[in-house]
Amino acid sequence: MSDLNARVNETRGILERIARDFSPAVFASSLAAEDMVLTDLILKAGLPITIFSLETGRLHKETVAMIDKVKAHYGYDIVVMRPKQELVDEYVTKNGLNAFYDSVEMRKGCCYVRKVEPLGRALAGNKAWITGQRRAQSTTRTDLPVQEDDTAHGLAKFNPLADWSEEDVWEYIRGNNVPYNDLHDRGYPSIGCEPCTRAIQPGEDVRAGRWWWENADSKECGLHLVDGKLIRIKSVAPA
C-alpha cells in the first residue's frame, strides 16, 4: 500500500502541475480502468481539466454506460466526441462495414475516421492532453515517458500512470470505490470497439484482446501514432 500511496501522490502532483501550467488541458478517457483512476483523481481534486471520450459508434453498450455511471457517481458530464458521419459513410460505402478485418491498413483507416479525426477536434485549442497509457500495457509502450512533446498536435502530452502496474490500478479502484466498466469482470483488461476487442485467456498480455488477428507490434489505433510510428518524438523531463 505504501508504494501505491507514493504513486497516487506523485500522480496527483502531475495533474496539479498540468492544471496550473498547461491550462487549458483535456483528458482523453477511454472509460477503461486506468482512465477511471485518473477521472477519480481529477474530479475529487476539482481540477480544471476537461474530460472527453471518443464515442466511435461501435463501442460495447457497457462502455457507453460508463458515461452515465460517471454522471451518477461524480455529477460530471463527460464531453462526448463522435466521428463525422460523412467520413463514416464514405469509409463504409467504399470498403464495407467490417473492412478493418482485411488488413492493418483498412483497420487503421477505420480507426482514423472513428477515433483519430475526432481526437484532433477534441485537442484543438488546448495546451496539453492527458492519457491513461501505462508502460506495462504493451510491447509498444515500454519506453512511455510521463511527459512528451506531441508535435503532431502542437501541445504537451502527459501519461501520469506510465509506471503504474495493473495491480496498482485495481488496488486504487477497489480502495476508493471507483466505478468501472463491467467488461473488466468478464476478462477484458483492455477495451476498445466491440468488433475489435475480445476477452483474453489467463497468462495473455493485457492487450492481447485488442485487434487479436494482428501482430503484437501493430496494435495501436493511431491516437498515439504519426506516419505509422508511435509519437515519442521528444520526451520531456518533469520540471
Protein backbone atom coordinates (compact mmCIF):
# COMPACT_ATOMS: atom_id res chain seq x y z
CA MET A 1 0.00 0.00 0.00
CA SER A 2 2.86 2.40 0.74
CA ASP A 3 4.12 2.06 -2.85
CA LEU A 4 0.65 2.79 -4.19
CA ASN A 5 0.26 5.80 -1.91
CA ALA A 6 3.52 7.18 -3.27
CA ARG A 7 2.34 6.66 -6.85
CA VAL A 8 -1.00 8.29 -6.09
CA ASN A 9 0.68 11.33 -4.54
CA GLU A 10 3.06 11.61 -7.48
CA THR A 11 0.19 11.35 -9.96
CA ARG A 12 -1.81 13.98 -8.09
CA GLY A 13 1.21 16.26 -8.30
CA ILE A 14 1.49 15.73 -12.05
CA LEU A 15 -2.20 16.50 -12.56
CA GLU A 16 -1.98 19.62 -10.40
CA ARG A 17 1.04 20.81 -12.40
CA ILE A 18 -0.82 20.25 -15.67
CA ALA A 19 -3.80 22.24 -14.39
CA ARG A 20 -1.53 25.03 -13.20
CA ASP A 21 1.00 25.29 -16.03
CA PHE A 22 -0.78 23.87 -19.10
CA SER A 23 -4.26 25.31 -18.99
CA PRO A 24 -6.44 24.63 -20.87
CA ALA A 25 -5.83 20.90 -20.67
CA VAL A 26 -8.01 17.90 -21.54
CA PHE A 27 -8.07 14.26 -20.55
CA ALA A 28 -8.90 11.70 -23.25
CA SER A 29 -10.74 8.92 -21.44
CA SER A 30 -11.48 5.53 -22.96
CA LEU A 31 -13.65 4.86 -19.87
CA ALA A 32 -11.48 1.83 -19.04
CA ALA A 33 -9.94 1.08 -15.64
CA GLU A 34 -6.83 3.29 -15.94
CA ASP A 35 -8.88 6.20 -17.15
CA MET A 36 -11.32 5.84 -14.27
CA VAL A 37 -8.39 6.18 -11.85
CA LEU A 38 -7.46 9.48 -13.49
CA THR A 39 -11.12 10.55 -13.63
CA ASP A 40 -11.40 9.95 -9.89
CA LEU A 41 -8.24 11.91 -9.12
CA ILE A 42 -9.18 14.84 -11.38
CA LEU A 43 -12.77 15.18 -10.20
CA LYS A 44 -12.14 14.66 -6.49
CA ALA A 45 -9.48 17.38 -6.62
CA GLY A 46 -11.76 19.67 -8.59
CA LEU A 47 -9.06 20.29 -11.19
CA PRO A 48 -9.96 22.43 -14.24
CA ILE A 49 -9.23 19.63 -16.70
CA THR A 50 -11.94 18.75 -19.21
CA ILE A 51 -12.64 15.03 -19.60
CA PHE A 52 -13.78 13.80 -23.01
CA SER A 53 -14.37 10.40 -24.56
CA LEU A 54 -14.44 9.21 -28.17
CA GLU A 55 -17.80 7.57 -28.90
CA THR A 56 -16.86 5.73 -32.08
CA GLY A 57 -20.32 4.38 -32.79
CA ARG A 58 -19.07 0.82 -32.30
CA LEU A 59 -18.42 0.67 -28.57
CA HIS A 60 -19.80 -2.01 -26.26
CA LYS A 61 -23.01 -0.98 -24.51
CA GLU A 62 -21.14 -1.44 -21.22
CA THR A 63 -18.60 1.18 -22.29
CA VAL A 64 -21.26 3.67 -23.33
CA ALA A 65 -22.99 3.07 -19.98
CA MET A 66 -19.88 4.38 -18.23
CA ILE A 67 -20.80 7.92 -19.29
CA ASP A 68 -23.96 7.70 -17.17
CA LYS A 69 -22.06 5.97 -14.36
CA VAL A 70 -19.65 8.88 -14.15
CA LYS A 71 -22.57 11.33 -14.12
CA ALA A 72 -24.31 9.40 -11.32
CA HIS A 73 -21.18 8.94 -9.21
CA TYR A 74 -19.45 12.30 -9.64
CA GLY A 75 -22.14 14.60 -11.06
CA TYR A 76 -19.88 15.25 -14.04
CA ASP A 77 -20.84 15.25 -17.72
CA ILE A 78 -18.11 13.75 -19.86
CA VAL A 79 -17.75 15.53 -23.19
CA VAL A 80 -18.61 13.05 -25.95
CA MET A 81 -16.78 13.36 -29.28
CA ARG A 82 -18.26 11.48 -32.23
CA PRO A 83 -16.92 10.82 -35.75
CA LYS A 84 -18.15 12.87 -38.68
CA GLN A 85 -20.99 10.90 -40.22
CA GLU A 86 -19.94 11.74 -43.77
CA LEU A 87 -16.49 10.20 -43.18
CA VAL A 88 -18.02 7.07 -41.67
CA ASP A 89 -20.43 6.74 -44.59
CA GLU A 90 -17.60 7.21 -47.08
CA TYR A 91 -15.46 4.51 -45.44
CA VAL A 92 -18.32 2.01 -45.15
CA THR A 93 -19.60 2.62 -48.68
CA LYS A 94 -16.14 2.20 -50.19
CA ASN A 95 -14.80 -0.64 -48.04
CA GLY A 96 -17.65 -2.31 -46.17
CA LEU A 97 -18.73 -2.10 -42.53
CA ASN A 98 -16.11 -4.54 -41.23
CA ALA A 99 -13.25 -3.92 -43.66
CA PHE A 100 -10.88 -3.46 -40.71
CA TYR A 101 -10.53 -7.26 -40.56
CA ASP A 102 -9.00 -7.32 -44.05
CA SER A 103 -5.67 -5.61 -43.32
CA VAL A 104 -3.82 -3.38 -40.89
CA GLU A 105 -4.23 -0.53 -43.36
CA MET A 106 -8.01 -0.98 -43.50
CA ARG A 107 -8.19 -1.20 -39.71
CA LYS A 108 -6.13 1.97 -39.27
CA GLY A 109 -8.36 3.67 -41.80
CA CYS A 110 -11.39 2.85 -39.69
CA CYS A 111 -9.58 3.98 -36.53
CA TYR A 112 -8.71 7.24 -38.26
CA VAL A 113 -12.32 8.02 -39.12
CA ARG A 114 -13.79 6.94 -35.81
CA LYS A 115 -11.02 7.96 -33.38
CA VAL A 116 -8.10 9.96 -34.76
CA GLU A 117 -10.08 12.68 -36.56
CA PRO A 118 -12.42 13.27 -33.59
CA LEU A 119 -9.38 13.35 -31.30
CA GLY A 120 -7.90 16.18 -33.35
CA ARG A 121 -11.05 18.21 -32.89
CA ALA A 122 -11.10 17.50 -29.16
CA LEU A 123 -7.49 18.61 -28.72
CA ALA A 124 -7.78 21.80 -30.75
CA GLY A 125 -7.18 24.95 -28.71
CA ASN A 126 -5.63 23.16 -25.73
CA LYS A 127 -2.10 23.30 -24.35
CA ALA A 128 -1.93 19.72 -23.10
CA TRP A 129 -3.70 16.40 -23.19
CA ILE A 130 -3.64 13.53 -20.75
CA THR A 131 -3.88 9.80 -21.40
CA GLY A 132 -4.21 6.69 -19.24
CA GLN A 133 -1.42 4.82 -21.04
CA ARG A 134 0.88 2.59 -18.97
CA ARG A 135 4.23 1.04 -19.87
CA ALA A 136 3.06 -2.40 -18.76
CA GLN A 137 0.14 -2.45 -21.20
CA SER A 138 2.01 -3.38 -24.35
CA THR A 139 5.37 -4.00 -26.01
CA THR A 140 4.75 -0.80 -27.98
CA ARG A 141 4.64 1.24 -24.75
CA THR A 142 7.64 0.03 -22.77
CA ASP A 143 9.50 3.34 -23.15
CA LEU A 144 6.47 5.52 -22.42
CA PRO A 145 7.51 8.78 -20.69
CA VAL A 146 5.34 10.68 -18.22
CA GLN A 147 5.63 13.85 -20.32
CA GLU A 148 6.35 14.26 -24.01
CA ASP A 149 6.01 16.77 -26.82
CA ASP A 150 3.18 15.90 -29.21
CA THR A 151 4.41 17.70 -32.30
CA ALA A 152 1.58 16.29 -34.40
CA HIS A 153 -0.99 18.25 -32.42
CA GLY A 154 1.30 21.03 -31.22
CA LEU A 155 0.85 20.54 -27.49
CA ALA A 156 2.24 18.72 -24.48
CA LYS A 157 1.13 15.17 -23.76
CA PHE A 158 1.10 13.55 -20.33
CA ASN A 159 0.88 9.90 -19.29
CA PRO A 160 0.59 10.23 -15.48
CA LEU A 161 0.07 6.48 -14.93
CA ALA A 162 3.10 5.45 -17.00
CA ASP A 163 4.74 3.49 -14.18
CA TRP A 164 1.56 2.10 -12.61
CA SER A 165 1.05 -1.67 -12.70
CA GLU A 166 -2.21 -3.49 -13.34
CA GLU A 167 -2.28 -4.31 -9.63
CA ASP A 168 -1.87 -0.63 -8.72
CA VAL A 169 -4.84 0.32 -10.89
CA TRP A 170 -7.18 -2.22 -9.34
CA GLU A 171 -5.99 -1.62 -5.81
CA TYR A 172 -6.84 2.05 -6.26
CA ILE A 173 -10.22 1.33 -7.85
CA ARG A 174 -11.31 -1.06 -5.12
CA GLY A 175 -9.89 1.04 -2.30
CA ASN A 176 -11.66 4.20 -3.48
CA ASN A 177 -14.98 2.78 -4.71
CA VAL A 178 -14.31 3.93 -8.27
CA PRO A 179 -16.95 2.86 -10.83
CA TYR A 180 -15.59 0.74 -13.67
CA ASN A 181 -16.62 -0.97 -16.89
CA ASP A 182 -18.44 -4.27 -16.26
CA LEU A 183 -16.45 -5.88 -19.09
CA HIS A 184 -13.36 -5.89 -16.88
CA ASP A 185 -15.05 -8.58 -14.77
CA ARG A 186 -15.53 -10.70 -17.90
CA GLY A 187 -11.91 -10.99 -19.00
CA TYR A 188 -11.49 -7.69 -20.83
CA PRO A 189 -8.47 -5.86 -19.32
CA SER A 190 -8.23 -3.60 -22.39
CA ILE A 191 -11.40 -2.40 -24.08
CA GLY A 192 -11.86 -0.78 -27.47
CA CYS A 193 -14.59 -1.04 -30.09
CA GLU A 194 -16.82 -4.10 -29.77
CA PRO A 195 -15.87 -5.87 -33.03
CA CYS A 196 -12.16 -5.29 -32.37
CA THR A 197 -11.98 -6.48 -28.76
CA ARG A 198 -12.27 -9.90 -27.18
CA ALA A 199 -11.73 -11.34 -23.72
CA ILE A 200 -8.25 -12.72 -23.06
CA GLN A 201 -7.09 -16.06 -21.69
CA PRO A 202 -5.15 -16.43 -18.42
CA GLY A 203 -1.50 -15.52 -18.95
CA GLU A 204 -2.09 -13.50 -22.12
CA ASP A 205 -0.81 -9.93 -22.50
CA VAL A 206 -3.33 -7.37 -21.24
CA ARG A 207 -3.79 -6.01 -24.78
CA ALA A 208 -3.96 -9.42 -26.46
CA GLY A 209 -7.69 -8.98 -26.89
CA ARG A 210 -7.28 -5.80 -28.96
CA TRP A 211 -7.15 -6.45 -32.73
CA TRP A 212 -6.33 -10.08 -31.86
CA TRP A 213 -5.95 -11.01 -35.54
CA GLU A 214 -2.89 -8.72 -35.94
CA ASN A 215 0.74 -8.98 -34.86
CA ALA A 216 1.51 -7.53 -31.44
CA ASP A 217 3.80 -4.82 -32.84
CA SER A 218 0.98 -3.24 -34.86
CA LYS A 219 -1.58 -2.95 -32.09
CA GLU A 220 -2.03 0.81 -31.88
CA CYS A 221 -5.15 2.56 -33.12
CA GLY A 222 -3.40 5.68 -34.36
CA LEU A 223 -4.21 8.03 -31.50
CA HIS A 224 -0.57 7.84 -30.48
CA LEU A 225 0.94 7.47 -33.96
CA VAL A 226 2.32 9.76 -36.64
CA ASP A 227 3.03 8.28 -40.07
CA GLY A 228 2.66 4.82 -38.57
CA LYS A 229 5.11 5.47 -35.75
CA LEU A 230 4.44 6.00 -32.08
CA ILE A 231 4.55 9.65 -31.07
CA ARG A 232 7.69 9.52 -28.97
CA ILE A 233 9.33 12.44 -30.73
CA LYS A 234 10.76 14.10 -27.68
CA SER A 235 10.40 13.11 -24.06
CA VAL A 236 10.36 15.93 -21.57
CA ALA A 237 11.82 15.58 -18.08
CA PRO A 238 9.37 16.66 -15.37
CA ALA A 239 10.03 20.11 -14.00
